[in-house]
Amino acid sequence: MTFWTWIAIAIALIGGVVAANSGKKKTERKYVVALIWFIVAVILFFIWWFTR
């Protein structure tokens, strides 16, 4: 994978961690699961985008 692919993955992961920790309240499990699925989808999209 190229440098830009790794940068895109890092941005997606950091954004997800920041979003997960932005509210210190007790988050419902379904929102955490949805966030994880969204991050996985973004990473897969970036891998597809930069490898085509």
C-alpha atoms as a PDB file:
ATOM      1  CA  MET A   1       0.000   0.000   0.000  1.00  0.00           C
ATOM      2  CA  THR A   2       1.136   3.523  -0.663  1.00  0.00           C
ATOM      3  CA  PHE A   3       1.927   6.290   1.768  1.00  0.00           C
ATOM      4  CA  TRP A   4      -1.390   8.003   1.059  1.00  0.00           C
ATOM      5  CA  THR A   5      -3.330   4.823   1.820  1.00  0.00           C
ATOM      6  CA  TRP A   6      -1.706   4.623   5.250  1.00  0.00           C
ATOM      7  CA  ILE A   7      -2.420   8.319   5.848  1.00  0.00           C
ATOM      8  CA  ALA A   8      -6.099   7.787   4.951  1.00  0.00           C
ATOM      9  CA  ILE A   9      -6.350   4.786   7.285  1.00  0.00           C
ATOM     10  CA  ALA A  10      -4.688   6.731  10.090  1.00  0.00           C
ATOM     11  CA  ILE A  11      -7.101   9.660   9.639  1.00  0.00           C
ATOM     12  CA  ALA A  12     -10.083   7.302   9.775  1.00  0.00           C
ATOM     13  CA  LEU A  13      -8.806   5.570  12.908  1.00  0.00           C
ATOM     14  CA  ILE A  14      -7.878   8.786  14.699  1.00  0.00           C
ATOM     15  CA  GLY A  15     -11.203  10.353  13.779  1.00  0.00           C
ATOM     16  CA  GLY A  16     -13.021   7.310  15.140  1.00  0.00           C
ATOM     17  CA  VAL A  17     -11.115   7.353  18.407  1.00  0.00           C
ATOM     18  CA  VAL A  18     -11.713  11.070  18.857  1.00  0.00           C
ATOM     19  CA  ALA A  19     -15.429  10.654  18.109  1.00  0.00           C
ATOM     20  CA  ALA A  20     -15.684   7.731  20.533  1.00  0.00           C
ATOM     21  CA  ASN A  21     -13.974   9.651  23.328  1.00  0.00           C
ATOM     22  CA  SER A  22     -15.557  13.052  22.702  1.00  0.00           C
ATOM     23  CA  GLY A  23     -18.482  12.323  24.993  1.00  0.00           C
ATOM     24  CA  LYS A  24     -17.386  10.788  28.271  1.00  0.00           C
ATOM     25  CA  LYS A  25     -20.976   9.813  29.023  1.00  0.00           C
ATOM     26  CA  LYS A  26     -21.979   6.171  29.010  1.00  0.00           C
ATOM     27  CA  THR A  27     -22.513   5.509  25.300  1.00  0.00           C
ATOM     28  CA  GLU A  28     -24.990   2.891  24.240  1.00  0.00           C
ATOM     29  CA  ARG A  29     -23.485  -0.244  22.755  1.00  0.00           C
ATOM     30  CA  LYS A  30     -25.302   0.122  19.426  1.00  0.00           C
ATOM     31  CA  TYR A  31     -23.635   3.480  18.772  1.00  0.00           C
ATOM     32  CA  VAL A  32     -20.189   2.047  19.482  1.00  0.00           C
ATOM     33  CA  VAL A  33     -20.852  -0.892  17.138  1.00  0.00           C
ATOM     34  CA  ALA A  34     -22.141   1.479  14.441  1.00  0.00           C
ATOM     35  CA  LEU A  35     -19.030   3.645  14.813  1.00  0.00           C
ATOM     36  CA  ILE A  36     -16.739   0.626  14.485  1.00  0.00           C
ATOM     37  CA  TRP A  37     -18.567  -0.540  11.335  1.00  0.00           C
ATOM     38  CA  PHE A  38     -18.301   2.973   9.895  1.00  0.00           C
ATOM     39  CA  ILE A  39     -14.552   3.107  10.540  1.00  0.00           C
ATOM     40  CA  VAL A  40     -14.086  -0.315   8.911  1.00  0.00           C
ATOM     41  CA  ALA A  41     -16.103   0.832   5.888  1.00  0.00           C
ATOM     42  CA  VAL A  42     -14.021   4.001   5.536  1.00  0.00           C
ATOM     43  CA  ILE A  43     -10.764   2.040   5.759  1.00  0.00           C
ATOM     44  CA  LEU A  44     -11.947  -0.444   3.128  1.00  0.00           C
ATOM     45  CA  PHE A  45     -13.044   2.413   0.877  1.00  0.00           C
ATOM     46  CA  PHE A  46      -9.648   4.103   1.145  1.00  0.00           C
ATOM     47  CA  ILE A  47      -7.835   0.825   0.440  1.00  0.00           C
ATOM     48  CA  TRP A  48      -9.991   0.317  -2.641  1.00  0.00           C
ATOM     49  CA  TRP A  49      -9.601   3.939  -3.752  1.00  0.00           C
ATOM     50  CA  PHE A  50      -5.801   4.031  -3.518  1.00  0.00           C
ATOM     51  CA  THR A  51      -5.175   0.576  -4.993  1.00  0.00           C
ATOM     52  CA  ARG A  52      -7.247   0.828  -8.150  1.00  0.00           C
END
